[in-house]
């Protein structure tokens, strides 16, 4: 079994109710498996992760140990023991006039 930690940025943190959670997953678990587990465990996760409330599709960026993983690679990206997965909504700043 792999122990994986998931850290959530806003507004996902509000959906989950905490900033981080840990899971034990099978040795062959992928990012897609982790996301499916989060959807099972936390009501509202899937809707929030899809960006339904934000009006834009799949706005979150997923990082494993600081490295970005694209949605196209979720099913092919295998997790490793002690991985830290961050789910964050990128913040875009504006200039001052």
PDB file of N, CA and C in Angstrom:
ATOM      1  N   UNK A   1       0.837  -1.192   0.000  1.00  0.00           N
ATOM      2  CA  UNK A   1       0.000   0.000   0.000  1.00  0.00           C
ATOM      3  C   UNK A   1       0.876   1.248   0.000  1.00  0.00           C
ATOM      4  N   UNK A   2       0.392   2.261  -0.692  1.00  0.00           N
ATOM      5  CA  UNK A   2       1.082   3.547  -0.761  1.00  0.00           C
ATOM      6  C   UNK A   2       0.373   4.558   0.131  1.00  0.00           C
ATOM      7  N   UNK A   3       1.135   5.328   0.873  1.00  0.00           N
ATOM      8  CA  UNK A   3       0.535   6.431   1.605  1.00  0.00           C
ATOM      9  C   UNK A   3       0.740   7.700   0.787  1.00  0.00           C
ATOM     10  N   UNK A   4      -0.360   8.361   0.475  1.00  0.00           N
ATOM     11  CA  UNK A   4      -0.357   9.574  -0.343  1.00  0.00           C
ATOM     12  C   UNK A   4      -1.003  10.694   0.461  1.00  0.00           C
ATOM     13  N   UNK A   5      -0.429  11.876   0.415  1.00  0.00           N
ATOM     14  CA  UNK A   5      -1.023  13.050   1.045  1.00  0.00           C
ATOM     15  C   UNK A   5      -1.536  13.974  -0.048  1.00  0.00           C
ATOM     16  N   UNK A   6      -2.736  14.479   0.148  1.00  0.00           N
ATOM     17  CA  UNK A   6      -3.330  15.424  -0.804  1.00  0.00           C
ATOM     18  C   UNK A   6      -3.552  16.744  -0.071  1.00  0.00           C
ATOM     19  N   UNK A   7      -3.064  17.831  -0.669  1.00  0.00           N
ATOM     20  CA  UNK A   7      -3.247  19.172  -0.113  1.00  0.00           C
ATOM     21  C   UNK A   7      -4.162  19.949  -1.050  1.00  0.00           C
ATOM     22  N   UNK A   8      -5.085  20.694  -0.455  1.00  0.00           N
ATOM     23  CA  UNK A   8      -6.091  21.406  -1.228  1.00  0.00           C
ATOM     24  C   UNK A   8      -5.953  22.908  -1.072  1.00  0.00           C
ATOM     25  N   UNK A   9      -6.009  23.604  -2.199  1.00  0.00           N
ATOM     26  CA  UNK A   9      -6.111  25.052  -2.183  1.00  0.00           C
ATOM     27  C   UNK A   9      -7.581  25.444  -2.167  1.00  0.00           C
ATOM     28  N   UNK A  10      -7.827  26.713  -2.008  1.00  0.00           N
ATOM     29  CA  UNK A  10      -9.210  27.215  -2.053  1.00  0.00           C
ATOM     30  C   UNK A  10      -9.702  27.165  -3.495  1.00  0.00           C
ATOM     31  N   UNK A  11     -10.946  26.970  -3.761  1.00  0.00           N
ATOM     32  CA  UNK A  11     -12.032  26.689  -2.835  1.00  0.00           C
ATOM     33  C   UNK A  11     -12.236  25.202  -2.537  1.00  0.00           C
ATOM     34  N   UNK A  12     -11.387  24.331  -3.065  1.00  0.00           N
ATOM     35  CA  UNK A  12     -11.531  22.895  -2.770  1.00  0.00           C
ATOM     36  C   UNK A  12     -11.409  22.603  -1.281  1.00  0.00           C
ATOM     37  N   UNK A  13     -10.578  23.362  -0.586  1.00  0.00           N
ATOM     38  CA  UNK A  13     -10.424  23.135   0.847  1.00  0.00           C
ATOM     39  C   UNK A  13     -11.762  23.237   1.560  1.00  0.00           C
ATOM     40  N   UNK A  14     -12.601  24.179   1.138  1.00  0.00           N
ATOM     41  CA  UNK A  14     -13.920  24.329   1.763  1.00  0.00           C
ATOM     42  C   UNK A  14     -14.811  23.126   1.483  1.00  0.00           C
ATOM     43  N   UNK A  15     -14.704  22.566   0.299  1.00  0.00           N
ATOM     44  CA  UNK A  15     -15.502  21.387  -0.060  1.00  0.00           C
ATOM     45  C   UNK A  15     -15.075  20.189   0.783  1.00  0.00           C
ATOM     46  N   UNK A  16     -13.772  20.011   0.945  1.00  0.00           N
ATOM     47  CA  UNK A  16     -13.225  18.871   1.683  1.00  0.00           C
ATOM     48  C   UNK A  16     -13.368  19.083   3.194  1.00  0.00           C
ATOM     49  N   UNK A  17     -13.257  20.321   3.632  1.00  0.00           N
ATOM     50  CA  UNK A  17     -13.366  20.619   5.053  1.00  0.00           C
ATOM     51  C   UNK A  17     -12.045  20.621   5.793  1.00  0.00           C
ATOM     52  N   UNK A  18     -10.955  20.421   5.063  1.00  0.00           N
ATOM     53  CA  UNK A  18      -9.620  20.476   5.654  1.00  0.00           C
ATOM     54  C   UNK A  18      -8.589  20.735   4.558  1.00  0.00           C
ATOM     55  N   UNK A  19      -7.422  21.149   4.978  1.00  0.00           N
ATOM     56  CA  UNK A  19      -6.373  21.502   4.013  1.00  0.00           C
ATOM     57  C   UNK A  19      -5.635  20.300   3.448  1.00  0.00           C
ATOM     58  N   UNK A  20      -5.603  19.211   4.197  1.00  0.00           N
ATOM     59  CA  UNK A  20      -4.877  18.022   3.720  1.00  0.00           C
ATOM     60  C   UNK A  20      -5.532  16.762   4.243  1.00  0.00           C
ATOM     61  N   UNK A  21      -5.407  15.722   3.441  1.00  0.00           N
ATOM     62  CA  UNK A  21      -5.876  14.391   3.833  1.00  0.00           C
ATOM     63  C   UNK A  21      -4.839  13.382   3.370  1.00  0.00           C
ATOM     64  N   UNK A  22      -4.813  12.235   4.017  1.00  0.00           N
ATOM     65  CA  UNK A  22      -3.917  11.150   3.617  1.00  0.00           C
ATOM     66  C   UNK A  22      -4.742   9.912   3.299  1.00  0.00           C
ATOM     67  N   UNK A  23      -4.265   9.166   2.321  1.00  0.00           N
ATOM     68  CA  UNK A  23      -4.930   7.939   1.895  1.00  0.00           C
ATOM     69  C   UNK A  23      -3.897   6.836   1.738  1.00  0.00           C
ATOM     70  N   UNK A  24      -4.368   5.613   1.876  1.00  0.00           N
ATOM     71  CA  UNK A  24      -3.585   4.446   1.506  1.00  0.00           C
ATOM     72  C   UNK A  24      -4.194   3.891   0.231  1.00  0.00           C
ATOM     73  N   UNK A  25      -3.375   3.776  -0.800  1.00  0.00           N
ATOM     74  CA  UNK A  25      -3.822   3.302  -2.108  1.00  0.00           C
ATOM     75  C   UNK A  25      -3.001   2.087  -2.520  1.00  0.00           C
ATOM     76  N   UNK A  26      -3.524   1.341  -3.476  1.00  0.00           N
ATOM     77  CA  UNK A  26      -2.804   0.171  -3.970  1.00  0.00           C
ATOM     78  C   UNK A  26      -1.516   0.592  -4.672  1.00  0.00           C
ATOM     79  N   UNK A  27      -0.592  -0.332  -4.771  1.00  0.00           N
ATOM     80  CA  UNK A  27       0.735  -0.063  -5.356  1.00  0.00           C
ATOM     81  C   UNK A  27       0.667   0.435  -6.797  1.00  0.00           C
ATOM     82  N   UNK A  28      -0.389   0.079  -7.524  1.00  0.00           N
ATOM     83  CA  UNK A  28      -0.495   0.484  -8.933  1.00  0.00           C
ATOM     84  C   UNK A  28      -1.434   1.668  -9.144  1.00  0.00           C
ATOM     85  N   UNK A  29      -1.754   2.411  -8.082  1.00  0.00           N
ATOM     86  CA  UNK A  29      -2.703   3.519  -8.169  1.00  0.00           C
ATOM     87  C   UNK A  29      -2.186   4.649  -9.047  1.00  0.00           C
ATOM     88  N   UNK A  30      -3.110   5.234  -9.781  1.00  0.00           N
ATOM     89  CA  UNK A  30      -2.802   6.379 -10.640  1.00  0.00           C
ATOM     90  C   UNK A  30      -3.470   7.633 -10.076  1.00  0.00           C
ATOM     91  N   UNK A  31      -3.146   8.762 -10.681  1.00  0.00           N
ATOM     92  CA  UNK A  31      -3.798  10.010 -10.309  1.00  0.00           C
ATOM     93  C   UNK A  31      -5.301   9.897 -10.535  1.00  0.00           C
ATOM     94  N   UNK A  32      -5.720   9.267 -11.625  1.00  0.00           N
ATOM     95  CA  UNK A  32      -7.147   9.079 -11.906  1.00  0.00           C
ATOM     96  C   UNK A  32      -7.817   8.283 -10.783  1.00  0.00           C
ATOM     97  N   UNK A  33      -7.139   7.270 -10.259  1.00  0.00           N
ATOM     98  CA  UNK A  33      -7.678   6.493  -9.139  1.00  0.00           C
ATOM     99  C   UNK A  33      -7.853   7.372  -7.902  1.00  0.00           C
ATOM    100  N   UNK A  34      -6.876   8.207  -7.639  1.00  0.00           N
ATOM    101  CA  UNK A  34      -6.947   9.110  -6.494  1.00  0.00           C
ATOM    102  C   UNK A  34      -8.122  10.073  -6.633  1.00  0.00           C
ATOM    103  N   UNK A  35      -8.295  10.650  -7.817  1.00  0.00           N
ATOM    104  CA  UNK A  35      -9.402  11.586  -8.037  1.00  0.00           C
ATOM    105  C   UNK A  35     -10.751  10.889  -7.884  1.00  0.00           C
ATOM    106  N   UNK A  36     -10.847   9.639  -8.346  1.00  0.00           N
ATOM    107  CA  UNK A  36     -12.086   8.873  -8.183  1.00  0.00           C
ATOM    108  C   UNK A  36     -12.368   8.626  -6.703  1.00  0.00           C
ATOM    109  N   UNK A  37     -11.326   8.328  -5.925  1.00  0.00           N
ATOM    110  CA  UNK A  37     -11.486   8.119  -4.492  1.00  0.00           C
ATOM    111  C   UNK A  37     -11.950   9.405  -3.804  1.00  0.00           C
ATOM    112  N   UNK A  38     -11.366  10.528  -4.175  1.00  0.00           N
ATOM    113  CA  UNK A  38     -11.792  11.808  -3.604  1.00  0.00           C
ATOM    114  C   UNK A  38     -13.261  12.077  -3.918  1.00  0.00           C
ATOM    115  N   UNK A  39     -13.679  11.774  -5.132  1.00  0.00           N
ATOM    116  CA  UNK A  39     -15.086  11.966  -5.512  1.00  0.00           C
ATOM    117  C   UNK A  39     -16.008  11.059  -4.691  1.00  0.00           C
ATOM    118  N   UNK A  40     -15.546   9.852  -4.387  1.00  0.00           N
ATOM    119  CA  UNK A  40     -16.324   8.914  -3.563  1.00  0.00           C
ATOM    120  C   UNK A  40     -16.410   9.367  -2.115  1.00  0.00           C
ATOM    121  N   UNK A  41     -15.312   9.859  -1.594  1.00  0.00           N
ATOM    122  CA  UNK A  41     -15.217  10.190  -0.172  1.00  0.00           C
ATOM    123  C   UNK A  41     -15.835  11.539   0.197  1.00  0.00           C
ATOM    124  N   UNK A  42     -15.835  12.478  -0.744  1.00  0.00           N
ATOM    125  CA  UNK A  42     -16.239  13.842  -0.417  1.00  0.00           C
ATOM    126  C   UNK A  42     -17.308  14.336  -1.384  1.00  0.00           C
ATOM    127  N   UNK A  43     -18.519  14.491  -0.848  1.00  0.00           N
ATOM    128  CA  UNK A  43     -19.621  15.015  -1.656  1.00  0.00           C
ATOM    129  C   UNK A  43     -19.246  16.410  -2.153  1.00  0.00           C
ATOM    130  N   UNK A  44     -19.461  16.660  -3.392  1.00  0.00           N
ATOM    131  CA  UNK A  44     -19.167  17.966  -3.962  1.00  0.00           C
ATOM    132  C   UNK A  44     -17.787  18.090  -4.573  1.00  0.00           C
ATOM    133  N   UNK A  45     -16.899  17.123  -4.304  1.00  0.00           N
ATOM    134  CA  UNK A  45     -15.542  17.235  -4.840  1.00  0.00           C
ATOM    135  C   UNK A  45     -15.551  17.242  -6.368  1.00  0.00           C
ATOM    136  N   UNK A  46     -16.232  16.284  -6.965  1.00  0.00           N
ATOM    137  CA  UNK A  46     -16.202  16.155  -8.417  1.00  0.00           C
ATOM    138  C   UNK A  46     -16.739  17.412  -9.107  1.00  0.00           C
ATOM    139  N   UNK A  47     -17.844  17.931  -8.605  1.00  0.00           N
ATOM    140  CA  UNK A  47     -18.430  19.150  -9.163  1.00  0.00           C
ATOM    141  C   UNK A  47     -17.472  20.329  -9.020  1.00  0.00           C
ATOM    142  N   UNK A  48     -16.871  20.460  -7.838  1.00  0.00           N
ATOM    143  CA  UNK A  48     -15.938  21.562  -7.600  1.00  0.00           C
ATOM    144  C   UNK A  48     -14.693  21.412  -8.471  1.00  0.00           C
ATOM    145  N   UNK A  49     -14.143  20.197  -8.550  1.00  0.00           N
ATOM    146  CA  UNK A  49     -12.929  19.971  -9.342  1.00  0.00           C
ATOM    147  C   UNK A  49     -13.184  20.240 -10.821  1.00  0.00           C
ATOM    148  N   UNK A  50     -14.389  19.918 -11.292  1.00  0.00           N
ATOM    149  CA  UNK A  50     -14.751  20.207 -12.691  1.00  0.00           C
ATOM    150  C   UNK A  50     -14.865  21.698 -12.947  1.00  0.00           C
ATOM    151  N   UNK A  51     -15.032  22.489 -11.896  1.00  0.00           N
ATOM    152  CA  UNK A  51     -15.134  23.934 -12.048  1.00  0.00           C
ATOM    153  C   UNK A  51     -16.540  24.426 -12.311  1.00  0.00           C
ATOM    154  N   UNK A  52     -17.543  23.594 -12.028  1.00  0.00           N
ATOM    155  CA  UNK A  52     -18.932  23.980 -12.299  1.00  0.00           C
ATOM    156  C   UNK A  52     -19.301  25.304 -11.654  1.00  0.00           C
ATOM    157  N   UNK A  53     -18.875  25.530 -10.418  1.00  0.00           N
ATOM    158  CA  UNK A  53     -19.211  26.758  -9.708  1.00  0.00           C
ATOM    159  C   UNK A  53     -18.392  27.956 -10.168  1.00  0.00           C
ATOM    160  N   UNK A  54     -17.316  27.708 -10.867  1.00  0.00           N
ATOM    161  CA  UNK A  54     -16.427  28.781 -11.302  1.00  0.00           C
ATOM    162  C   UNK A  54     -16.694  29.224 -12.733  1.00  0.00           C
ATOM    163  N   UNK A  55     -17.485  28.445 -13.447  1.00  0.00           N
ATOM    164  CA  UNK A  55     -17.829  28.818 -14.815  1.00  0.00           C
ATOM    165  C   UNK A  55     -16.743  28.543 -15.836  1.00  0.00           C
ATOM    166  N   UNK A  56     -15.776  27.732 -15.486  1.00  0.00           N
ATOM    167  CA  UNK A  56     -14.751  27.333 -16.456  1.00  0.00           C
ATOM    168  C   UNK A  56     -14.379  25.879 -16.192  1.00  0.00           C
ATOM    169  N   UNK A  57     -14.201  25.117 -17.247  1.00  0.00           N
ATOM    170  CA  UNK A  57     -13.978  23.683 -17.072  1.00  0.00           C
ATOM    171  C   UNK A  57     -12.576  23.351 -16.542  1.00  0.00           C
ATOM    172  N   UNK A  58     -12.555  22.478 -15.564  1.00  0.00           N
ATOM    173  CA  UNK A  58     -11.318  21.936 -14.979  1.00  0.00           C
ATOM    174  C   UNK A  58     -10.235  23.005 -14.790  1.00  0.00           C
ATOM    175  N   UNK A  59     -10.504  23.963 -13.899  1.00  0.00           N
ATOM    176  CA  UNK A  59      -9.559  25.064 -13.706  1.00  0.00           C
ATOM    177  C   UNK A  59      -8.369  24.738 -12.807  1.00  0.00           C
ATOM    178  N   UNK A  60      -8.410  23.600 -12.105  1.00  0.00           N
ATOM    179  CA  UNK A  60      -7.364  23.291 -11.138  1.00  0.00           C
ATOM    180  C   UNK A  60      -6.119  22.725 -11.799  1.00  0.00           C
ATOM    181  N   UNK A  61      -4.984  23.010 -11.181  1.00  0.00           N
ATOM    182  CA  UNK A  61      -3.719  22.423 -11.596  1.00  0.00           C
ATOM    183  C   UNK A  61      -3.338  21.399 -10.531  1.00  0.00           C
ATOM    184  N   UNK A  62      -2.896  20.241 -10.980  1.00  0.00           N
ATOM    185  CA  UNK A  62      -2.499  19.173 -10.080  1.00  0.00           C
ATOM    186  C   UNK A  62      -0.982  19.032 -10.141  1.00  0.00           C
ATOM    187  N   UNK A  63      -0.374  18.997  -8.975  1.00  0.00           N
ATOM    188  CA  UNK A  63       1.078  18.813  -8.859  1.00  0.00           C
ATOM    189  C   UNK A  63       1.351  17.571  -8.020  1.00  0.00           C
ATOM    190  N   UNK A  64       2.354  16.821  -8.400  1.00  0.00           N
ATOM    191  CA  UNK A  64       2.862  15.735  -7.557  1.00  0.00           C
ATOM    192  C   UNK A  64       4.289  16.103  -7.194  1.00  0.00           C
ATOM    193  N   UNK A  65       4.519  16.286  -5.906  1.00  0.00           N
ATOM    194  CA  UNK A  65       5.846  16.667  -5.413  1.00  0.00           C
ATOM    195  C   UNK A  65       6.401  17.876  -6.166  1.00  0.00           C
ATOM    196  N   UNK A  66       5.521  18.839  -6.430  1.00  0.00           N
ATOM    197  CA  UNK A  66       5.929  20.079  -7.070  1.00  0.00           C
ATOM    198  C   UNK A  66       5.987  20.053  -8.586  1.00  0.00           C
ATOM    199  N   UNK A  67       5.683  18.917  -9.192  1.00  0.00           N
ATOM    200  CA  UNK A  67       5.724  18.809 -10.658  1.00  0.00           C
ATOM    201  C   UNK A  67       4.307  18.729 -11.204  1.00  0.00           C
ATOM    202  N   UNK A  68       3.980  19.563 -12.188  1.00  0.00           N
ATOM    203  CA  UNK A  68       2.617  19.547 -12.725  1.00  0.00           C
ATOM    204  C   UNK A  68       2.326  18.262 -13.503  1.00  0.00           C
ATOM    205  N   UNK A  69       1.071  17.832 -13.406  1.00  0.00           N
ATOM    206  CA  UNK A  69       0.586  16.680 -14.167  1.00  0.00           C
ATOM    207  C   UNK A  69      -0.638  17.151 -14.934  1.00  0.00           C
ATOM    208  N   UNK A  70      -0.642  16.953 -16.232  1.00  0.00           N
ATOM    209  CA  UNK A  70      -1.771  17.390 -17.042  1.00  0.00           C
ATOM    210  C   UNK A  70      -2.905  16.372 -16.960  1.00  0.00           C
ATOM    211  N   UNK A  71      -4.112  16.847 -17.198  1.00  0.00           N
ATOM    212  CA  UNK A  71      -5.298  15.985 -17.143  1.00  0.00           C
ATOM    213  C   UNK A  71      -5.174  14.810 -18.110  1.00  0.00           C
ATOM    214  N   UNK A  72      -4.545  15.017 -19.240  1.00  0.00           N
ATOM    215  CA  UNK A  72      -4.376  13.946 -20.228  1.00  0.00           C
ATOM    216  C   UNK A  72      -3.536  12.791 -19.671  1.00  0.00           C
ATOM    217  N   UNK A  73      -2.746  13.064 -18.637  1.00  0.00           N
ATOM    218  CA  UNK A  73      -1.852  12.047 -18.066  1.00  0.00           C
ATOM    219  C   UNK A  73      -2.328  11.458 -16.740  1.00  0.00           C
ATOM    220  N   UNK A  74      -3.508  11.844 -16.262  1.00  0.00           N
ATOM    221  CA  UNK A  74      -3.982  11.354 -14.972  1.00  0.00           C
ATOM    222  C   UNK A  74      -4.035   9.828 -14.921  1.00  0.00           C
ATOM    223  N   UNK A  75      -4.520   9.195 -15.974  1.00  0.00           N
ATOM    224  CA  UNK A  75      -4.657   7.743 -15.984  1.00  0.00           C
ATOM    225  C   UNK A  75      -3.343   7.000 -16.129  1.00  0.00           C
ATOM    226  N   UNK A  76      -2.330   7.665 -16.668  1.00  0.00           N
ATOM    227  CA  UNK A  76      -1.038   7.021 -16.912  1.00  0.00           C
ATOM    228  C   UNK A  76       0.013   7.373 -15.855  1.00  0.00           C
ATOM    229  N   UNK A  77      -0.304   8.309 -14.979  1.00  0.00           N
ATOM    230  CA  UNK A  77       0.655   8.742 -13.964  1.00  0.00           C
ATOM    231  C   UNK A  77       0.441   7.948 -12.689  1.00  0.00           C
ATOM    232  N   UNK A  78       1.401   7.082 -12.383  1.00  0.00           N
ATOM    233  CA  UNK A  78       1.325   6.243 -11.187  1.00  0.00           C
ATOM    234  C   UNK A  78       1.882   6.989  -9.984  1.00  0.00           C
ATOM    235  N   UNK A  79       1.230   6.796  -8.878  1.00  0.00           N
ATOM    236  CA  UNK A  79       1.655   7.418  -7.633  1.00  0.00           C
ATOM    237  C   UNK A  79       2.712   6.552  -6.955  1.00  0.00           C
ATOM    238  N   UNK A  80       3.537   7.208  -6.155  1.00  0.00           N
ATOM    239  CA  UNK A  80       4.607   6.532  -5.431  1.00  0.00           C
ATOM    240  C   UNK A  80       4.417   6.775  -3.933  1.00  0.00           C
ATOM    241  N   UNK A  81       5.018   5.915  -3.131  1.00  0.00           N
ATOM    242  CA  UNK A  81       4.961   6.048  -1.679  1.00  0.00           C
ATOM    243  C   UNK A  81       5.394   7.451  -1.250  1.00  0.00           C
ATOM    244  N   UNK A  82       4.595   8.048  -0.367  1.00  0.00           N
ATOM    245  CA  UNK A  82       4.869   9.356   0.231  1.00  0.00           C
ATOM    246  C   UNK A  82       4.724  10.525  -0.745  1.00  0.00           C
ATOM    247  N   UNK A  83       4.107  10.305  -1.900  1.00  0.00           N
ATOM    248  CA  UNK A  83       3.848  11.433  -2.805  1.00  0.00           C
ATOM    249  C   UNK A  83       2.964  12.459  -2.114  1.00  0.00           C
ATOM    250  N   UNK A  84       3.195  13.716  -2.455  1.00  0.00           N
ATOM    251  CA  UNK A  84       2.340  14.803  -1.998  1.00  0.00           C
ATOM    252  C   UNK A  84       1.700  15.404  -3.241  1.00  0.00           C
ATOM    253  N   UNK A  85       0.384  15.347  -3.271  1.00  0.00           N
ATOM    254  CA  UNK A  85      -0.390  15.845  -4.402  1.00  0.00           C
ATOM    255  C   UNK A  85      -1.036  17.160  -3.976  1.00  0.00           C
ATOM    256  N   UNK A  86      -0.818  18.213  -4.761  1.00  0.00           N
ATOM    257  CA  UNK A  86      -1.450  19.507  -4.519  1.00  0.00           C
ATOM    258  C   UNK A  86      -2.496  19.738  -5.605  1.00  0.00           C
ATOM    259  N   UNK A  87      -3.668  20.177  -5.193  1.00  0.00           N
ATOM    260  CA  UNK A  87      -4.715  20.589  -6.124  1.00  0.00           C
ATOM    261  C   UNK A  87      -4.954  22.065  -5.875  1.00  0.00           C
ATOM    262  N   UNK A  88      -4.543  22.893  -6.831  1.00  0.00           N
ATOM    263  CA  UNK A  88      -4.612  24.337  -6.625  1.00  0.00           C
ATOM    264  C   UNK A  88      -5.283  25.022  -7.800  1.00  0.00           C
ATOM    265  N   UNK A  89      -5.922  26.115  -7.493  1.00  0.00           N
ATOM    266  CA  UNK A  89      -6.526  26.979  -8.489  1.00  0.00           C
ATOM    267  C   UNK A  89      -5.533  28.099  -8.762  1.00  0.00           C
ATOM    268  N   UNK A  90      -5.046  28.207  -9.989  1.00  0.00           N
ATOM    269  CA  UNK A  90      -4.051  29.252 -10.263  1.00  0.00           C
ATOM    270  C   UNK A  90      -4.649  30.636 -10.066  1.00  0.00           C
ATOM    271  N   UNK A  91      -3.837  31.527  -9.557  1.00  0.00           N
ATOM    272  CA  UNK A  91      -4.244  32.905  -9.337  1.00  0.00           C
ATOM    273  C   UNK A  91      -3.564  33.765 -10.372  1.00  0.00           C
ATOM    274  N   UNK A  92      -4.343  34.573 -11.028  1.00  0.00           N
ATOM    275  CA  UNK A  92      -3.802  35.462 -12.042  1.00  0.00           C
ATOM    276  C   UNK A  92      -3.977  36.876 -11.543  1.00  0.00           C
ATOM    277  N   UNK A  93      -2.886  37.590 -11.492  1.00  0.00           N
ATOM    278  CA  UNK A  93      -2.943  38.975 -11.027  1.00  0.00           C
ATOM    279  C   UNK A  93      -3.077  39.941 -12.186  1.00  0.00           C
ATOM    280  N   UNK A  94      -3.478  41.106 -11.865  1.00  0.00           N
ATOM    281  CA  UNK A  94      -3.622  42.142 -12.878  1.00  0.00           C
ATOM    282  C   UNK A  94      -2.674  43.284 -12.585  1.00  0.00           C
ATOM    283  N   UNK A  95      -2.465  44.096 -13.572  1.00  0.00           N
ATOM    284  CA  UNK A  95      -1.607  45.257 -13.394  1.00  0.00           C
ATOM    285  C   UNK A  95      -2.376  46.411 -12.797  1.00  0.00           C
ATOM    286  N   UNK A  96      -1.678  47.358 -12.269  1.00  0.00           N
ATOM    287  CA  UNK A  96      -2.303  48.570 -11.721  1.00  0.00           C
ATOM    288  C   UNK A  96      -2.236  49.657 -12.780  1.00  0.00           C
ATOM    289  N   UNK A  97      -3.339  50.340 -12.926  1.00  0.00           N
ATOM    290  CA  UNK A  97      -3.402  51.411 -13.933  1.00  0.00           C
ATOM    291  C   UNK A  97      -2.881  52.700 -13.409  1.00  0.00           C
TER     292      UNK A  97
END
